[in-house]
């Protein structure tokens, strides 16, 4: 990554040959509409898929951990975590067949594009989010929730007032993980998209065939900077939340 950042300031079009220090690729990046559109589409899909997977993953984790004994629980747990061990090629092909079948039966989706990519990414990201949140739910002290129920709070209120704040660090971690996985995916997106939706990974891979564009180095440097700042802020927030949680446990 350090080498990539250094060569993003290289004036030569050959990314492996250093010429002199220059910022011209950052200037050209601003005027590259195709690349900026791909970045915007990828960020939009990643944010939407991460948010949707957080909702689905939280519900799935809550069902697996808190309602262990129900008919079909083993099958539900297996189907929820299956994308973790499933090759991306198989996942992408199965989702492609699903979307084609849905289009023939109910008439939607009529065309594959950004929406089908979002649905596909949310599908496999939900598995990772479920694992992260399930680990957090296993560590929670249920006595606090039981005390709230004994005091007259209904289960829905207990979930939003007590459980949700306690698993907030896991929600943040799961969202960031899902966002990264969606932003990085290229295999599944190739299966479930059409010619009208070009994500950033697909655009980069298409450019690699003709040689790496130096503007990609500049874009990657900007993304690394933004992700690094967000990751550092999230780490500080989760660290403080964990210390506060440990302090509350010691006070008991």
Protein backbone atom coordinates (compact mmCIF):
# COMPACT_ATOMS: atom_id res chain seq x y z
CA UNK A 1 0.00 0.00 0.00
CA UNK A 2 2.90 2.36 0.71
CA UNK A 3 4.32 1.66 -2.75
CA UNK A 4 0.91 2.30 -4.30
CA UNK A 5 0.67 5.66 -2.52
CA UNK A 6 4.18 6.65 -3.60
CA UNK A 7 3.57 5.77 -7.25
CA UNK A 8 0.30 7.70 -7.27
CA UNK A 9 2.52 10.81 -7.32
CA UNK A 10 4.56 9.52 -10.27
CA UNK A 11 4.39 11.65 -13.42
CA UNK A 12 5.03 8.66 -15.71
CA UNK A 13 2.13 6.80 -17.26
CA UNK A 14 4.01 3.55 -16.61
CA UNK A 15 3.16 2.69 -13.02
CA UNK A 16 6.35 0.64 -12.58
CA UNK A 17 8.76 3.34 -13.79
CA UNK A 18 9.43 6.36 -11.59
CA UNK A 19 9.92 9.64 -13.46
CA UNK A 20 9.34 12.58 -11.15
CA UNK A 21 6.98 13.81 -8.45
CA UNK A 22 3.66 15.06 -9.80
CA UNK A 23 0.02 15.40 -8.79
CA UNK A 24 -1.37 15.43 -12.32
CA UNK A 25 -3.14 12.08 -11.93
CA UNK A 26 -5.20 13.50 -9.07
CA UNK A 27 -6.18 16.42 -11.29
CA UNK A 28 -7.13 14.10 -14.16
CA UNK A 29 -9.05 11.89 -11.74
CA UNK A 30 -11.39 14.78 -10.92
CA UNK A 31 -12.34 15.05 -14.61
CA UNK A 32 -12.71 11.30 -15.21
CA UNK A 33 -16.50 10.96 -15.14
CA UNK A 34 -16.57 7.21 -15.83
CA UNK A 35 -14.28 6.45 -12.90
CA UNK A 36 -16.12 8.79 -10.53
CA UNK A 37 -19.48 7.29 -11.52
CA UNK A 38 -18.11 3.81 -10.81
CA UNK A 39 -16.89 4.98 -7.40
CA UNK A 40 -20.25 6.55 -6.57
CA UNK A 41 -22.14 3.43 -7.64
CA UNK A 42 -19.84 1.14 -5.64
CA UNK A 43 -20.12 3.28 -2.51
CA UNK A 44 -23.91 3.47 -2.82
CA UNK A 45 -24.25 -0.29 -3.28
CA UNK A 46 -21.81 -1.02 -0.46
CA UNK A 47 -23.61 1.29 1.97
CA UNK A 48 -27.02 -0.12 1.03
CA UNK A 49 -25.87 -3.75 1.20
CA UNK A 50 -24.15 -3.18 4.55
CA UNK A 51 -27.22 -1.51 6.05
CA UNK A 52 -29.56 -4.23 4.79
CA UNK A 53 -27.24 -7.00 5.98
CA UNK A 54 -27.08 -5.41 9.44
CA UNK A 55 -30.87 -5.64 9.76
CA UNK A 56 -31.05 -9.20 8.43
CA UNK A 57 -27.94 -10.33 10.30
CA UNK A 58 -29.21 -8.96 13.61
CA UNK A 59 -32.55 -10.74 13.22
CA UNK A 60 -30.82 -13.98 12.21
CA UNK A 61 -28.32 -13.82 15.09
CA UNK A 62 -31.08 -13.06 17.58
CA UNK A 63 -33.08 -16.06 16.34
CA UNK A 64 -30.08 -18.40 16.47
CA UNK A 65 -28.82 -17.37 19.92
CA UNK A 66 -32.00 -16.50 21.80
CA UNK A 67 -34.45 -18.94 20.17
CA UNK A 68 -32.29 -22.04 19.80
CA UNK A 69 -35.08 -24.59 20.03
CA UNK A 70 -37.49 -24.20 17.16
CA UNK A 71 -38.40 -26.43 14.25
CA UNK A 72 -35.80 -26.16 11.52
CA UNK A 73 -33.26 -24.31 13.70
CA UNK A 74 -30.34 -26.40 12.45
CA UNK A 75 -31.33 -25.88 8.82
CA UNK A 76 -31.79 -22.16 9.43
CA UNK A 77 -28.32 -21.86 11.00
CA UNK A 78 -26.75 -23.79 8.13
CA UNK A 79 -28.46 -21.73 5.43
CA UNK A 80 -27.52 -18.49 7.18
CA UNK A 81 -23.81 -19.29 7.31
CA UNK A 82 -23.58 -21.24 4.03
CA UNK A 83 -22.25 -18.24 2.02
CA UNK A 84 -19.19 -18.22 4.30
CA UNK A 85 -17.87 -21.45 2.80
CA UNK A 86 -19.50 -21.25 -0.61
CA UNK A 87 -17.22 -20.27 -3.53
CA UNK A 88 -18.11 -16.90 -5.02
CA UNK A 89 -18.57 -18.49 -8.45
CA UNK A 90 -21.29 -20.81 -7.16
CA UNK A 91 -22.95 -18.01 -5.19
CA UNK A 92 -22.93 -15.70 -8.19
CA UNK A 93 -24.28 -18.37 -10.54
CA UNK A 94 -27.08 -19.37 -8.15
CA UNK A 95 -28.11 -15.74 -7.67
CA UNK A 96 -28.07 -15.20 -11.43
CA UNK A 97 -30.42 -18.16 -11.92
CA UNK A 98 -32.61 -16.85 -9.10
CA UNK A 99 -32.96 -13.40 -10.68
CA UNK A 100 -33.67 -14.90 -14.10
CA UNK A 101 -36.33 -17.15 -12.57
CA UNK A 102 -37.89 -14.25 -10.68
CA UNK A 103 -38.00 -12.21 -13.87
CA UNK A 104 -39.82 -14.99 -15.70
CA UNK A 105 -42.30 -15.73 -12.90
CA UNK A 106 -43.15 -12.34 -11.39
CA UNK A 107 -41.64 -10.00 -13.98
CA UNK A 108 -39.05 -8.51 -11.62
CA UNK A 109 -36.25 -7.72 -11.99
CA UNK A 110 -36.73 -6.86 -15.64
CA UNK A 111 -33.04 -6.06 -16.04
CA UNK A 112 -29.98 -6.74 -13.94
CA UNK A 113 -28.16 -3.73 -12.58
CA UNK A 114 -27.41 -1.87 -9.37
CA UNK A 115 -30.43 -3.29 -7.51
CA UNK A 116 -29.52 -6.91 -8.26
CA UNK A 117 -25.93 -6.26 -7.19
CA UNK A 118 -27.17 -4.75 -3.92
CA UNK A 119 -29.42 -7.74 -3.23
CA UNK A 120 -26.63 -10.19 -4.06
CA UNK A 121 -24.11 -8.40 -1.84
CA UNK A 122 -26.58 -8.20 1.03
CA UNK A 123 -27.10 -11.95 0.71
CA UNK A 124 -23.52 -13.00 1.35
CA UNK A 125 -22.70 -10.08 3.67
CA UNK A 126 -25.55 -11.14 5.98
CA UNK A 127 -23.65 -14.35 6.76
CA UNK A 128 -20.60 -12.44 8.01
CA UNK A 129 -22.70 -9.98 9.99
CA UNK A 130 -24.62 -12.85 11.62
CA UNK A 131 -21.38 -14.44 12.86
CA UNK A 132 -20.10 -11.14 14.30
CA UNK A 133 -23.34 -10.27 16.10
CA UNK A 134 -23.88 -13.85 17.30
CA UNK A 135 -20.50 -13.77 19.03
CA UNK A 136 -21.50 -10.57 20.80
CA UNK A 137 -24.90 -11.91 21.85
CA UNK A 138 -23.29 -14.97 23.42
CA UNK A 139 -21.26 -12.71 25.72
CA UNK A 140 -24.18 -10.61 26.94
CA UNK A 141 -25.49 -11.01 30.45
CA UNK A 142 -29.16 -11.96 30.05
CA UNK A 143 -29.91 -10.99 33.66
CA UNK A 144 -30.16 -7.32 32.64
CA UNK A 145 -32.76 -8.09 30.00
CA UNK A 146 -34.63 -10.40 32.38
CA UNK A 147 -34.66 -7.67 35.04
CA UNK A 148 -36.18 -5.22 32.55
CA UNK A 149 -38.84 -7.78 31.62
CA UNK A 150 -39.64 -8.32 35.30
CA UNK A 151 -40.07 -4.58 35.75
CA UNK A 152 -42.78 -4.52 33.07
CA UNK A 153 -40.95 -3.70 29.84
CA UNK A 154 -42.16 -5.57 26.79
CA UNK A 155 -39.64 -7.63 24.73
CA UNK A 156 -39.54 -5.10 21.89
CA UNK A 157 -38.70 -2.25 24.27
CA UNK A 158 -36.03 -4.36 25.98
CA UNK A 159 -34.44 -5.05 22.60
CA UNK A 160 -34.23 -1.39 21.55
CA UNK A 161 -33.41 0.09 24.97
CA UNK A 162 -31.05 -2.53 26.41
CA UNK A 163 -29.95 -5.18 23.91
CA UNK A 164 -29.30 -2.93 20.93
CA UNK A 165 -26.99 -0.47 22.75
CA UNK A 166 -25.05 -3.39 24.25
CA UNK A 167 -24.37 -4.95 20.86
CA UNK A 168 -23.68 -1.60 19.17
CA UNK A 169 -19.90 -2.27 18.79
CA UNK A 170 -20.71 -5.51 16.97
CA UNK A 171 -23.15 -3.66 14.73
CA UNK A 172 -20.47 -1.14 13.79
CA UNK A 173 -17.92 -3.90 13.17
CA UNK A 174 -20.41 -5.88 11.10
CA UNK A 175 -21.39 -2.84 9.04
CA UNK A 176 -17.77 -1.97 8.27
CA UNK A 177 -16.99 -5.59 7.38
CA UNK A 178 -20.02 -5.83 5.09
CA UNK A 179 -19.20 -2.47 3.50
CA UNK A 180 -15.64 -3.62 2.76
CA UNK A 181 -16.74 -6.98 1.36
CA UNK A 182 -19.31 -5.36 -0.91
CA UNK A 183 -16.89 -2.68 -2.10
CA UNK A 184 -14.27 -5.32 -2.89
CA UNK A 185 -16.46 -7.87 -4.70
CA UNK A 186 -16.05 -8.41 -8.41
CA UNK A 187 -16.91 -12.09 -9.01
CA UNK A 188 -20.53 -12.04 -7.83
CA UNK A 189 -21.10 -8.60 -9.36
CA UNK A 190 -20.03 -9.94 -12.76
CA UNK A 191 -22.75 -12.59 -12.59
CA UNK A 192 -25.67 -10.48 -11.40
CA UNK A 193 -25.13 -7.20 -13.24
CA UNK A 194 -25.79 -5.97 -16.73
CA UNK A 195 -24.00 -3.53 -19.04
CA UNK A 196 -25.62 -0.51 -17.41
CA UNK A 197 -23.98 -0.89 -13.99
CA UNK A 198 -20.20 -0.62 -13.77
CA UNK A 199 -18.76 -0.90 -10.26
CA UNK A 200 -15.27 0.22 -9.35
CA UNK A 201 -13.72 -3.29 -9.06
CA UNK A 202 -15.15 -4.25 -12.46
CA UNK A 203 -13.79 -1.05 -14.01
CA UNK A 204 -10.35 -1.60 -12.49
CA UNK A 205 -10.21 -5.19 -13.70
CA UNK A 206 -11.22 -4.12 -17.19
CA UNK A 207 -8.43 -1.53 -17.22
CA UNK A 208 -5.82 -4.04 -16.00
CA UNK A 209 -6.11 -5.93 -19.30
CA UNK A 210 -4.69 -2.91 -21.12
CA UNK A 211 -2.34 -1.86 -18.32
CA UNK A 212 -2.95 -0.20 -14.98
CA UNK A 213 -4.11 3.39 -15.28
CA UNK A 214 -2.15 5.74 -12.95
CA UNK A 215 -5.45 7.40 -12.05
CA UNK A 216 -6.41 4.15 -10.32
CA UNK A 217 -3.40 4.59 -8.04
CA UNK A 218 -4.57 8.09 -7.16
CA UNK A 219 -8.10 6.86 -6.49
CA UNK A 220 -6.82 3.97 -4.38
CA UNK A 221 -4.75 6.39 -2.31
CA UNK A 222 -7.79 8.55 -1.60
CA UNK A 223 -9.86 5.48 -0.66
CA UNK A 224 -7.09 4.22 1.65
CA UNK A 225 -6.99 7.61 3.37
CA UNK A 226 -10.77 7.75 3.86
CA UNK A 227 -11.03 4.13 5.01
CA UNK A 228 -8.08 4.60 7.35
CA UNK A 229 -9.68 7.62 9.01
CA UNK A 230 -13.07 5.89 9.36
CA UNK A 231 -11.43 2.72 10.67
CA UNK A 232 -9.39 4.65 13.25
CA UNK A 233 -12.42 6.56 14.49
CA UNK A 234 -14.45 3.33 14.71
CA UNK A 235 -11.61 1.61 16.59
CA UNK A 236 -11.46 4.44 19.13
CA UNK A 237 -15.23 4.36 19.61
CA UNK A 238 -15.35 0.57 20.04
CA UNK A 239 -12.38 0.66 22.39
CA UNK A 240 -14.11 3.19 24.64
CA UNK A 241 -17.34 1.21 24.51
CA UNK A 242 -15.49 -1.97 25.48
CA UNK A 243 -13.74 -0.25 28.38
CA UNK A 244 -17.07 1.11 29.58
CA UNK A 245 -18.58 -2.38 29.33
CA UNK A 246 -15.70 -3.90 31.35
CA UNK A 247 -16.03 -1.12 33.94
CA UNK A 248 -19.74 -1.88 34.34
CA UNK A 249 -18.99 -5.58 34.80
CA UNK A 250 -16.42 -4.86 37.54
CA UNK A 251 -18.86 -2.57 39.35
CA UNK A 252 -21.34 -5.44 39.62
